Amino acid sequence: MSADDSTRPWGRYEVLQESDFHKVKCIYVTPGTRLSYQRHQKRREHWFIVSGVATVVIDGQTFEKFPGETVSVEMGQLHRIGNSGKEELVFVEIQTGTYFGEDDIERIEDDYAR
């Protein structure tokens, strides 16, 4: 892992590229885990599923996404992605907006009490 890797209770992510206008991450989600149900005020996200099956929640609607499929999350939308499968979920997240700091995460529900 490089210095840009960051470990979380649900897996890890690696920052691939960033500028003042965007950030690109590769995110690895361990089977049986999920990220917090959250929203952002200063960025939108676009997810490209690389491998595994993603369980996605957008504004209370739950659906599955498979390798090669995408998800778009607008600013202010409640969203969550998780891995209910048996293999690691890998997806690329492209963030666009005006700010990409971790403090722009408003957690509504979190399995890890963060």
C-alpha atoms as a PDB file:
ATOM      1  CA  MET A   1       0.000   0.000   0.000  1.00  0.00           C
ATOM      2  CA  SER A   2       1.166   3.508  -0.734  1.00  0.00           C
ATOM      3  CA  ALA A   3       1.235   6.482   1.617  1.00  0.00           C
ATOM      4  CA  ASP A   4      -2.087   7.616   0.101  1.00  0.00           C
ATOM      5  CA  ASP A   5      -3.920   4.509   1.378  1.00  0.00           C
ATOM      6  CA  SER A   6      -6.329   4.967   4.243  1.00  0.00           C
ATOM      7  CA  THR A   7      -7.756   2.126   6.337  1.00  0.00           C
ATOM      8  CA  ARG A   8     -11.325   2.276   7.659  1.00  0.00           C
ATOM      9  CA  PRO A   9     -13.499  -0.216   9.625  1.00  0.00           C
ATOM     10  CA  TRP A  10     -15.190  -1.258   6.344  1.00  0.00           C
ATOM     11  CA  GLY A  11     -12.004  -1.635   4.271  1.00  0.00           C
ATOM     12  CA  ARG A  12      -9.689   0.942   2.749  1.00  0.00           C
ATOM     13  CA  TYR A  13      -9.306   3.532   0.010  1.00  0.00           C
ATOM     14  CA  GLU A  14      -6.483   4.887  -2.081  1.00  0.00           C
ATOM     15  CA  VAL A  15      -6.429   8.420  -3.503  1.00  0.00           C
ATOM     16  CA  LEU A  16      -5.476   8.100  -7.178  1.00  0.00           C
ATOM     17  CA  GLN A  17      -5.630  11.750  -8.191  1.00  0.00           C
ATOM     18  CA  GLU A  18      -6.718  15.091  -6.809  1.00  0.00           C
ATOM     19  CA  SER A  19      -6.867  18.782  -7.709  1.00  0.00           C
ATOM     20  CA  ASP A  20      -8.818  21.842  -6.563  1.00  0.00           C
ATOM     21  CA  PHE A  21     -11.758  20.636  -8.682  1.00  0.00           C
ATOM     22  CA  HIS A  22     -11.835  16.841  -8.262  1.00  0.00           C
ATOM     23  CA  LYS A  23     -10.624  13.816  -6.328  1.00  0.00           C
ATOM     24  CA  VAL A  24     -10.456  10.201  -7.530  1.00  0.00           C
ATOM     25  CA  LYS A  25     -10.336   7.264  -5.104  1.00  0.00           C
ATOM     26  CA  CYS A  26     -10.225   3.500  -5.473  1.00  0.00           C
ATOM     27  CA  ILE A  27     -12.321   2.063  -2.641  1.00  0.00           C
ATOM     28  CA  TYR A  28     -12.139  -1.533  -1.343  1.00  0.00           C
ATOM     29  CA  VAL A  29     -15.074  -2.730   0.811  1.00  0.00           C
ATOM     30  CA  THR A  30     -14.738  -5.933   2.864  1.00  0.00           C
ATOM     31  CA  PRO A  31     -17.575  -8.497   2.510  1.00  0.00           C
ATOM     32  CA  GLY A  32     -20.361  -7.921   5.053  1.00  0.00           C
ATOM     33  CA  THR A  33     -19.524  -4.253   5.680  1.00  0.00           C
ATOM     34  CA  ARG A  34     -20.838  -0.898   4.499  1.00  0.00           C
ATOM     35  CA  LEU A  35     -19.949   2.762   4.646  1.00  0.00           C
ATOM     36  CA  SER A  36     -22.025   5.209   6.677  1.00  0.00           C
ATOM     37  CA  TYR A  37     -25.344   6.587   5.439  1.00  0.00           C
ATOM     38  CA  GLN A  38     -24.210  10.133   4.688  1.00  0.00           C
ATOM     39  CA  ARG A  39     -24.431  13.258   2.591  1.00  0.00           C
ATOM     40  CA  HIS A  40     -22.133  16.034   1.395  1.00  0.00           C
ATOM     41  CA  GLN A  41     -22.827  19.730   0.901  1.00  0.00           C
ATOM     42  CA  LYS A  42     -19.817  20.611  -1.263  1.00  0.00           C
ATOM     43  CA  ARG A  43     -19.312  17.665  -3.599  1.00  0.00           C
ATOM     44  CA  ARG A  44     -21.056  15.157  -5.810  1.00  0.00           C
ATOM     45  CA  GLU A  45     -19.813  11.609  -6.369  1.00  0.00           C
ATOM     46  CA  HIS A  46     -19.852   9.211  -9.295  1.00  0.00           C
ATOM     47  CA  TRP A  47     -19.096   5.532  -8.607  1.00  0.00           C
ATOM     48  CA  PHE A  48     -17.904   2.973 -11.158  1.00  0.00           C
ATOM     49  CA  ILE A  49     -18.201  -0.619  -9.905  1.00  0.00           C
ATOM     50  CA  VAL A  50     -15.028  -2.564 -10.778  1.00  0.00           C
ATOM     51  CA  SER A  51     -15.642  -5.921  -9.049  1.00  0.00           C
ATOM     52  CA  GLY A  52     -18.059  -7.444  -6.576  1.00  0.00           C
ATOM     53  CA  VAL A  53     -21.699  -6.505  -6.050  1.00  0.00           C
ATOM     54  CA  ALA A  54     -22.577  -3.139  -4.490  1.00  0.00           C
ATOM     55  CA  THR A  55     -25.665  -2.644  -2.349  1.00  0.00           C
ATOM     56  CA  VAL A  56     -26.484   1.039  -2.828  1.00  0.00           C
ATOM     57  CA  VAL A  57     -28.929   3.261  -0.942  1.00  0.00           C
ATOM     58  CA  ILE A  58     -29.810   6.679  -2.406  1.00  0.00           C
ATOM     59  CA  ASP A  59     -32.393   8.755  -0.494  1.00  0.00           C
ATOM     60  CA  GLY A  60     -33.911   5.610   1.043  1.00  0.00           C
ATOM     61  CA  GLN A  61     -34.092   3.595  -2.215  1.00  0.00           C
ATOM     62  CA  THR A  62     -31.999   0.376  -2.174  1.00  0.00           C
ATOM     63  CA  PHE A  63     -30.657  -1.354  -5.302  1.00  0.00           C
ATOM     64  CA  GLU A  64     -27.717  -3.484  -6.456  1.00  0.00           C
ATOM     65  CA  LYS A  65     -25.010  -2.497  -8.924  1.00  0.00           C
ATOM     66  CA  PHE A  66     -22.669  -4.878 -10.730  1.00  0.00           C
ATOM     67  CA  PRO A  67     -19.223  -4.561 -12.372  1.00  0.00           C
ATOM     68  CA  GLY A  68     -19.317  -2.013 -15.188  1.00  0.00           C
ATOM     69  CA  GLU A  69     -22.324  -0.168 -13.768  1.00  0.00           C
ATOM     70  CA  THR A  70     -22.315   3.335 -12.290  1.00  0.00           C
ATOM     71  CA  VAL A  71     -24.041   5.388  -9.606  1.00  0.00           C
ATOM     72  CA  SER A  72     -24.363   9.181  -9.457  1.00  0.00           C
ATOM     73  CA  VAL A  73     -24.815  10.943  -6.105  1.00  0.00           C
ATOM     74  CA  GLU A  74     -25.777  14.622  -6.141  1.00  0.00           C
ATOM     75  CA  MET A  75     -24.850  17.193  -3.483  1.00  0.00           C
ATOM     76  CA  GLY A  76     -27.103  16.819  -0.449  1.00  0.00           C
ATOM     77  CA  GLN A  77     -28.376  13.338  -1.409  1.00  0.00           C
ATOM     78  CA  LEU A  78     -28.311  10.725   1.331  1.00  0.00           C
ATOM     79  CA  HIS A  79     -26.255   7.764   0.174  1.00  0.00           C
ATOM     80  CA  ARG A  80     -24.543   4.567   1.266  1.00  0.00           C
ATOM     81  CA  ILE A  81     -22.671   1.744  -0.423  1.00  0.00           C
ATOM     82  CA  GLY A  82     -22.059  -1.667   1.071  1.00  0.00           C
ATOM     83  CA  ASN A  83     -20.863  -5.165   0.285  1.00  0.00           C
ATOM     84  CA  SER A  84     -23.335  -7.933   1.096  1.00  0.00           C
ATOM     85  CA  GLY A  85     -21.474 -10.395  -1.142  1.00  0.00           C
ATOM     86  CA  LYS A  86     -18.696 -12.889  -0.433  1.00  0.00           C
ATOM     87  CA  GLU A  87     -15.897 -11.168  -2.386  1.00  0.00           C
ATOM     88  CA  GLU A  88     -14.317  -7.757  -1.935  1.00  0.00           C
ATOM     89  CA  LEU A  89     -16.222  -4.864  -3.534  1.00  0.00           C
ATOM     90  CA  VAL A  90     -13.964  -2.530  -5.527  1.00  0.00           C
ATOM     91  CA  PHE A  91     -15.179   0.745  -7.004  1.00  0.00           C
ATOM     92  CA  VAL A  92     -13.716   3.984  -8.299  1.00  0.00           C
ATOM     93  CA  GLU A  93     -15.180   7.163  -6.819  1.00  0.00           C
ATOM     94  CA  ILE A  94     -14.894  10.426  -8.727  1.00  0.00           C
ATOM     95  CA  GLN A  95     -15.690  13.483  -6.619  1.00  0.00           C
ATOM     96  CA  THR A  96     -16.409  16.877  -8.184  1.00  0.00           C
ATOM     97  CA  GLY A  97     -17.287  20.107  -6.423  1.00  0.00           C
ATOM     98  CA  THR A  98     -15.624  22.793  -4.361  1.00  0.00           C
ATOM     99  CA  TYR A  99     -14.280  20.885  -1.329  1.00  0.00           C
ATOM    100  CA  PHE A 100     -13.232  17.272  -0.731  1.00  0.00           C
ATOM    101  CA  GLY A 101     -12.258  17.113   2.948  1.00  0.00           C
ATOM    102  CA  GLU A 102     -13.468  14.333   5.237  1.00  0.00           C
ATOM    103  CA  ASP A 103     -15.241  16.986   7.364  1.00  0.00           C
ATOM    104  CA  ASP A 104     -17.810  17.425   4.542  1.00  0.00           C
ATOM    105  CA  ILE A 105     -19.258  14.037   5.565  1.00  0.00           C
ATOM    106  CA  GLU A 106     -22.515  14.349   7.497  1.00  0.00           C
ATOM    107  CA  ARG A 107     -23.148  10.859   8.885  1.00  0.00           C
ATOM    108  CA  ILE A 108     -26.819  10.038   9.427  1.00  0.00           C
ATOM    109  CA  GLU A 109     -26.267   6.394  10.416  1.00  0.00           C
ATOM    110  CA  ASP A 110     -22.963   4.604  11.002  1.00  0.00           C
ATOM    111  CA  ASP A 111     -22.238   0.976  11.943  1.00  0.00           C
ATOM    112  CA  TYR A 112     -18.998   2.070  13.648  1.00  0.00           C
ATOM    113  CA  ALA A 113     -20.331   4.917  15.855  1.00  0.00           C
ATOM    114  CA  ARG A 114     -18.226   7.606  14.162  1.00  0.00           C
END
